[in-house]
Amino acid sequence: MLKFIVPIALIVIPVIAISTWGAAGIPIAVILDIILIALSIRIISPNTVRTVEFLGRFDRILRQGLNFIIPFLETTKAQVLYKRNFPVEVEWVTKDNVTAYIGLNVIYYVEDDGSNERDGTIYKSVYSIDDARTMMKSTIDEQLRWMIVAFTHKEIFAKREEIGNEIESRLRIRLAGFGYKLDSIQVRDVKLQNTVMEAMNKVVETQKLKEAAINEGEAEKIMKVKEAEAEKDAKILLWEGMAGQRTKIAEGFKEAVDMIKATDKSLNAEKVLQFLLDSSRIETLWNIWGEGNSKVIYLNEDLEGRNMSGLSKGDKLIAGSELMK
């Protein structure tokens, strides 16, 4: 019967206006009908519903599209269905008396179950609770404080996932009782008081510097070991080369002595060797003389001091500088 009130009023108003003012009442009737229609129409946008109260009592739910109500007798209350974001921050003291700050991000919404009755989610979300955010914040505060006090400040960073799961489980039950549904909870930030954070950062920095120093020392040690090994190998190669050179020189002297002895049987090995050494000495001096402004002074064995025992007391040792005069 109530749904016919507006159509009946749209007919009754013009009749009364015309009967009262005659033809002059027609414009008045039209204006009144337009106002009545405007007050009766409710256009509901997507992700939104409205509850209708008839004289203050719940009657029905209006959903997306064009809807009508009875002006002055019916009023509406809106409820959104899209997901909403609610940031929450909680500050409390940990097990070891360090102030911790935990920031959460709660995503929740009202799910339309299609029911128009009082036990439906729409009715509960509108009439069971005045401010869902206040309820969520109090629930999260209670749960977080209970959890924070059970952890030390070092443990709390490793418990991010556990904290989020525990609060999500508890809050999901609470919200369902008020017609709301929890989508997810993210632990977006975990902080400690500034002095503790600075101390922790210094500990980490010191540890990293220590590791860097150890790595640098190991690298330097490895470089020195490699350099020592390289130097050792170089010296071994040098001495092996010198030993090979001496061997070849000795072999060359032996071949030369044998060759000279073969030409003159009266020569013994000592004389031949002395001759070769003198020849080598002369060749060396010649090479030195060939280097620019060099001066070569050849001294015999007596002047070199080899047969000094053969000099008598009256003999005079002549210096090389005197021979050059």
Protein backbone atom coordinates (compact mmCIF):
# COMPACT_ATOMS: atom_id res chain seq x y z
CA MET A 1 0.00 0.00 0.00
CA LEU A 2 2.82 2.40 0.87
CA LYS A 3 4.34 2.18 -2.59
CA PHE A 4 1.19 3.75 -4.07
CA ILE A 5 1.30 6.86 -1.90
CA VAL A 6 3.48 8.89 -4.29
CA PRO A 7 1.49 8.01 -7.47
CA ILE A 8 -1.77 8.80 -5.71
CA ALA A 9 -0.33 12.11 -4.47
CA LEU A 10 0.75 13.02 -8.01
CA ILE A 11 -2.93 12.72 -9.07
CA VAL A 12 -4.54 14.24 -6.00
CA ILE A 13 -2.42 17.42 -6.02
CA PRO A 14 -3.47 18.58 -9.51
CA VAL A 15 -7.13 17.78 -8.75
CA ILE A 16 -7.07 19.88 -5.59
CA ALA A 17 -5.18 22.73 -7.31
CA ILE A 18 -7.57 22.91 -10.29
CA SER A 19 -10.66 22.62 -8.12
CA THR A 20 -9.38 25.42 -5.92
CA TRP A 21 -7.95 27.89 -8.43
CA GLY A 22 -9.36 26.68 -11.67
CA ALA A 23 -7.14 26.95 -14.76
CA ALA A 24 -4.71 29.07 -12.76
CA GLY A 25 -4.07 26.06 -10.52
CA ILE A 26 -2.56 23.98 -13.34
CA PRO A 27 0.95 25.57 -13.18
CA ILE A 28 0.86 25.24 -9.40
CA ALA A 29 -0.09 21.56 -9.69
CA VAL A 30 2.73 20.91 -12.18
CA ILE A 31 5.31 22.59 -9.93
CA LEU A 32 4.14 20.65 -6.89
CA ASP A 33 4.27 17.35 -8.80
CA ILE A 34 7.84 18.08 -9.98
CA ILE A 35 8.94 18.83 -6.43
CA LEU A 36 7.25 15.65 -5.18
CA ILE A 37 8.94 13.54 -7.84
CA ALA A 38 12.36 15.10 -7.09
CA LEU A 39 11.95 14.33 -3.40
CA SER A 40 10.90 10.76 -4.16
CA ILE A 41 13.76 9.78 -6.47
CA ARG A 42 16.97 8.19 -5.11
CA ILE A 43 19.66 7.32 -7.65
CA ILE A 44 22.16 4.85 -6.14
CA SER A 45 25.67 4.81 -7.63
CA PRO A 46 27.84 1.66 -8.00
CA ASN A 47 29.45 0.25 -4.84
CA THR A 48 26.90 2.08 -2.73
CA VAL A 49 23.66 1.05 -0.99
CA ARG A 50 21.11 2.91 1.14
CA THR A 51 18.92 1.68 3.94
CA VAL A 52 15.37 3.09 4.06
CA GLU A 53 13.66 3.98 7.35
CA PHE A 54 9.91 4.53 7.46
CA LEU A 55 9.14 6.89 10.34
CA GLY A 56 12.48 5.94 11.93
CA ARG A 57 12.10 2.17 11.53
CA PHE A 58 14.17 0.06 9.14
CA ASP A 59 12.16 -0.97 6.10
CA ARG A 60 14.31 -1.99 3.12
CA ILE A 61 17.60 -1.53 1.23
CA LEU A 62 18.05 0.44 -1.98
CA ARG A 63 20.72 -0.80 -4.41
CA GLN A 64 22.37 0.51 -7.57
CA GLY A 65 20.05 2.26 -10.02
CA LEU A 66 16.86 4.33 -9.88
CA ASN A 67 14.81 3.99 -6.68
CA PHE A 68 11.82 5.76 -5.08
CA ILE A 69 10.95 6.63 -1.51
CA ILE A 70 8.03 8.38 0.19
CA PRO A 71 9.09 11.96 0.87
CA PHE A 72 8.89 13.19 4.47
CA LEU A 73 7.87 9.72 5.69
CA GLU A 74 11.01 7.82 4.63
CA THR A 75 14.66 8.68 5.12
CA THR A 76 17.82 6.89 3.94
CA LYS A 77 21.31 6.13 5.22
CA ALA A 78 24.20 5.42 2.84
CA GLN A 79 26.81 2.67 3.07
CA VAL A 80 29.73 2.24 0.66
CA LEU A 81 30.84 -1.20 -0.51
CA TYR A 82 34.26 -0.44 -1.96
CA LYS A 83 37.47 -1.29 -0.14
CA ARG A 84 38.76 1.31 2.27
CA ASN A 85 42.21 1.91 3.66
CA PHE A 86 42.81 2.64 7.34
CA PRO A 87 46.33 3.35 8.67
CA VAL A 88 46.95 2.58 12.35
CA GLU A 89 50.02 3.35 14.47
CA VAL A 90 50.66 1.86 17.89
CA GLU A 91 53.38 2.82 20.39
CA TRP A 92 54.23 0.53 23.30
CA VAL A 93 57.13 -0.80 25.39
CA THR A 94 58.91 -4.06 24.54
CA LYS A 95 59.94 -6.80 26.93
CA ASP A 96 63.32 -5.11 27.52
CA ASN A 97 61.77 -1.65 28.12
CA VAL A 98 62.42 -0.14 24.68
CA THR A 99 59.69 1.97 23.09
CA ALA A 100 58.53 0.45 19.79
CA TYR A 101 56.39 1.97 17.06
CA ILE A 102 54.41 -0.30 14.75
CA GLY A 103 52.47 1.02 11.77
CA LEU A 104 49.74 -1.09 10.18
CA ASN A 105 47.62 -0.65 7.09
CA VAL A 106 44.12 -2.18 7.32
CA ILE A 107 42.07 -2.78 4.18
CA TYR A 108 38.40 -3.52 4.88
CA TYR A 109 35.00 -3.30 3.21
CA VAL A 110 31.30 -4.15 3.52
CA GLU A 111 30.24 -7.15 1.47
CA ASP A 112 26.67 -7.11 0.20
CA ASP A 113 25.21 -10.55 0.83
CA GLY A 114 21.97 -9.65 -0.97
CA SER A 115 19.89 -9.82 2.19
CA ASN A 116 17.32 -7.14 3.04
CA GLU A 117 16.76 -8.50 6.52
CA ARG A 118 18.12 -7.44 9.88
CA ASP A 119 20.64 -10.30 9.94
CA GLY A 120 22.24 -9.18 6.65
CA THR A 121 25.67 -7.54 6.40
CA ILE A 122 24.25 -4.21 5.16
CA TYR A 123 21.94 -3.84 8.16
CA LYS A 124 24.71 -4.81 10.61
CA SER A 125 27.26 -2.38 9.11
CA VAL A 126 24.81 0.54 9.37
CA TYR A 127 23.03 -0.16 12.67
CA SER A 128 25.40 -2.39 14.70
CA ILE A 129 28.26 0.07 15.01
CA ASP A 130 28.57 3.82 14.81
CA ASP A 131 32.28 4.10 13.91
CA ALA A 132 34.01 1.00 12.57
CA ARG A 133 37.43 2.69 12.54
CA THR A 134 37.33 3.41 16.25
CA MET A 135 36.49 -0.23 16.90
CA MET A 136 39.32 -1.43 14.65
CA LYS A 137 41.86 0.90 16.24
CA SER A 138 40.95 -0.20 19.77
CA THR A 139 41.14 -3.86 18.76
CA ILE A 140 44.51 -3.39 17.07
CA ASP A 141 45.86 -1.37 20.01
CA GLU A 142 44.89 -4.07 22.46
CA GLN A 143 46.32 -6.90 20.39
CA LEU A 144 49.52 -5.09 19.43
CA ARG A 145 50.36 -4.00 22.95
CA TRP A 146 49.88 -7.53 24.17
CA MET A 147 52.26 -8.80 21.47
CA ILE A 148 54.88 -6.05 21.73
CA VAL A 149 55.41 -6.57 25.45
CA ALA A 150 56.15 -10.26 24.77
CA PHE A 151 59.12 -9.50 22.45
CA THR A 152 62.49 -7.85 22.92
CA HIS A 153 63.42 -4.95 20.66
CA LYS A 154 65.66 -7.26 18.59
CA GLU A 155 62.96 -9.90 18.16
CA ILE A 156 60.26 -7.51 17.06
CA PHE A 157 61.82 -6.92 13.62
CA ALA A 158 61.76 -10.65 12.90
CA LYS A 159 58.11 -10.93 14.01
CA ARG A 160 56.54 -8.67 11.37
CA GLU A 161 54.72 -11.50 9.62
CA GLU A 162 53.65 -13.12 12.87
CA ILE A 163 52.28 -9.81 14.16
CA GLY A 164 50.33 -9.20 10.95
CA ASN A 165 48.83 -12.71 10.91
CA GLU A 166 47.82 -12.62 14.58
CA ILE A 167 46.09 -9.24 14.33
CA GLU A 168 44.40 -10.20 11.05
CA SER A 169 42.92 -13.34 12.63
CA ARG A 170 41.59 -11.45 15.64
CA LEU A 171 40.29 -8.43 13.70
CA ARG A 172 38.58 -10.56 11.05
CA ILE A 173 36.32 -12.13 13.70
CA ARG A 174 35.51 -8.78 15.28
CA LEU A 175 34.64 -7.10 11.98
CA ALA A 176 32.42 -9.98 10.84
CA GLY A 177 30.18 -9.38 13.84
CA PHE A 178 29.51 -5.84 12.57
CA GLY A 179 28.91 -6.71 8.93
CA TYR A 180 32.41 -5.74 7.77
CA LYS A 181 34.95 -7.94 6.04
CA LEU A 182 38.73 -7.72 6.39
CA ASP A 183 40.68 -7.85 3.15
CA SER A 184 44.25 -7.74 4.50
CA ILE A 185 46.63 -6.19 7.00
CA GLN A 186 50.14 -5.05 6.12
CA VAL A 187 52.79 -4.22 8.69
CA ARG A 188 54.18 -1.18 6.89
CA ASP A 189 56.67 0.03 9.48
CA VAL A 190 58.47 -1.13 12.63
CA LYS A 191 60.60 1.44 14.45
CA LEU A 192 62.28 1.84 17.80
CA GLN A 193 63.05 5.03 19.68
CA ASN A 194 65.74 7.13 17.99
CA THR A 195 68.53 6.50 20.49
CA VAL A 196 68.14 2.73 20.18
CA MET A 197 68.01 2.91 16.38
CA GLU A 198 71.19 4.99 16.29
CA ALA A 199 72.94 2.51 18.58
CA MET A 200 71.85 -0.42 16.41
CA ASN A 201 73.02 1.36 13.28
CA LYS A 202 76.42 1.97 14.88
CA VAL A 203 76.71 -1.71 15.79
CA VAL A 204 75.93 -2.72 12.22
CA GLU A 205 78.33 -0.11 10.84
CA THR A 206 81.11 -1.32 13.17
CA GLN A 207 80.51 -4.92 12.14
CA LYS A 208 80.67 -4.01 8.46
CA LEU A 209 83.91 -2.04 8.97
CA LYS A 210 85.38 -5.01 10.83
CA GLU A 211 84.46 -7.36 8.01
CA ALA A 212 85.91 -4.93 5.47
CA ALA A 213 89.18 -4.67 7.44
CA ILE A 214 89.41 -8.46 7.67
CA ASN A 215 88.81 -8.81 3.94
CA GLU A 216 91.36 -6.11 3.16
CA GLY A 217 93.93 -7.80 5.44
CA GLU A 218 93.33 -11.16 3.80
CA ALA A 219 93.71 -9.60 0.37
CA GLU A 220 96.96 -7.90 1.37
CA LYS A 221 98.24 -11.15 2.87
CA ILE A 222 97.45 -13.03 -0.32
CA MET A 223 99.24 -10.34 -2.40
CA LYS A 224 102.35 -10.52 -0.22
CA VAL A 225 102.40 -14.32 -0.39
CA LYS A 226 102.06 -14.17 -4.16
CA GLU A 227 104.84 -11.56 -4.39
CA ALA A 228 107.12 -13.70 -2.19
CA GLU A 229 106.41 -16.77 -4.28
CA ALA A 230 107.09 -14.83 -7.46
CA GLU A 231 110.37 -13.48 -6.04
CA LYS A 232 111.37 -16.96 -4.95
CA ASP A 233 110.65 -18.39 -8.39
CA ALA A 234 112.57 -15.53 -10.04
CA LYS A 235 115.63 -16.16 -7.86
CA ILE A 236 115.48 -19.87 -8.54
CA LEU A 237 115.38 -19.20 -12.25
CA LEU A 238 118.24 -16.67 -11.93
CA TRP A 239 120.48 -19.09 -10.04
CA GLU A 240 119.61 -21.90 -12.41
CA GLY A 241 120.57 -19.61 -15.29
CA MET A 242 123.84 -18.62 -13.65
CA ALA A 243 124.63 -22.24 -12.86
CA GLY A 244 123.94 -23.19 -16.46
CA GLN A 245 126.11 -20.29 -17.65
CA ARG A 246 129.01 -21.37 -15.46
CA THR A 247 128.63 -24.93 -16.69
CA LYS A 248 128.77 -23.80 -20.30
CA ILE A 249 131.81 -21.58 -19.57
CA ALA A 250 133.59 -24.50 -17.89
CA GLU A 251 132.76 -26.77 -20.79
CA GLY A 252 134.06 -24.13 -23.22
CA PHE A 253 137.34 -23.75 -21.29
CA LYS A 254 137.77 -27.53 -21.20
CA GLU A 255 137.25 -27.83 -24.96
CA ALA A 256 139.72 -24.95 -25.59
CA VAL A 257 142.37 -26.48 -23.28
CA ASP A 258 142.02 -29.88 -24.93
CA MET A 259 142.30 -28.26 -28.38
CA ILE A 260 145.49 -26.29 -27.48
CA LYS A 261 147.09 -29.28 -25.78
CA ALA A 262 146.47 -31.31 -28.89
CA THR A 263 148.53 -28.84 -30.99
CA ASP A 264 151.48 -28.70 -28.55
CA LYS A 265 152.16 -31.64 -26.27
CA SER A 266 154.67 -29.61 -24.19
CA LEU A 267 151.93 -27.39 -22.78
CA ASN A 268 150.25 -28.52 -19.60
CA ALA A 269 146.67 -27.73 -18.58
CA GLU A 270 147.66 -25.00 -16.10
CA LYS A 271 149.57 -22.95 -18.68
CA VAL A 272 146.84 -23.31 -21.24
CA LEU A 273 144.21 -22.21 -18.72
CA GLN A 274 146.32 -19.22 -17.71
CA PHE A 275 146.65 -18.25 -21.35
CA LEU A 276 142.87 -18.42 -21.84
CA LEU A 277 142.24 -16.31 -18.76
CA ASP A 278 144.74 -13.68 -19.96
CA SER A 279 143.07 -13.66 -23.36
CA SER A 280 139.70 -13.17 -21.75
CA ARG A 281 141.06 -10.34 -19.64
CA ILE A 282 142.54 -8.61 -22.67
CA GLU A 283 139.24 -8.97 -24.55
CA THR A 284 137.38 -7.45 -21.63
CA LEU A 285 139.76 -4.50 -21.44
CA TRP A 286 139.45 -4.01 -25.18
CA ASN A 287 135.70 -3.86 -24.89
CA ILE A 288 135.97 -1.30 -22.11
CA TRP A 289 138.41 0.78 -24.17
CA GLY A 290 135.90 0.82 -26.99
CA GLU A 291 133.33 2.59 -24.76
CA GLY A 292 133.88 6.31 -25.58
CA ASN A 293 136.64 8.13 -23.63
CA SER A 294 137.81 5.11 -21.59
CA LYS A 295 141.55 4.58 -20.98
CA VAL A 296 143.01 1.11 -20.73
CA ILE A 297 146.18 0.33 -18.75
CA TYR A 298 147.43 -3.21 -19.04
CA LEU A 299 149.55 -4.41 -16.11
CA ASN A 300 151.58 -7.57 -16.19
CA GLU A 301 151.48 -10.12 -13.42
CA ASP A 302 154.18 -8.45 -11.35
CA LEU A 303 152.42 -5.07 -11.39
CA GLU A 304 149.16 -6.75 -10.48
CA GLY A 305 150.90 -8.17 -7.52
CA ARG A 306 150.82 -11.84 -8.43
CA ASN A 307 154.59 -12.48 -8.28
CA MET A 308 155.55 -9.81 -5.77
CA SER A 309 157.62 -12.35 -3.95
CA GLY A 310 160.12 -12.27 -6.83
CA LEU A 311 161.01 -8.58 -6.29
CA SER A 312 164.22 -7.77 -4.39
CA LYS A 313 164.52 -4.90 -1.99
CA GLY A 314 166.01 -2.63 -4.64
CA ASP A 315 163.34 -3.22 -7.21
CA LYS A 316 160.84 -0.45 -7.80
CA LEU A 317 157.11 -0.99 -8.36
CA ILE A 318 156.02 1.21 -11.24
CA ALA A 319 152.48 2.53 -11.11
CA GLY A 320 150.26 2.46 -14.14
CA SER A 321 149.98 6.29 -14.10
CA GLU A 322 153.77 6.51 -14.55
CA LEU A 323 153.72 4.19 -17.53
CA MET A 324 151.25 6.46 -19.27
CA LYS A 325 153.64 9.45 -19.10
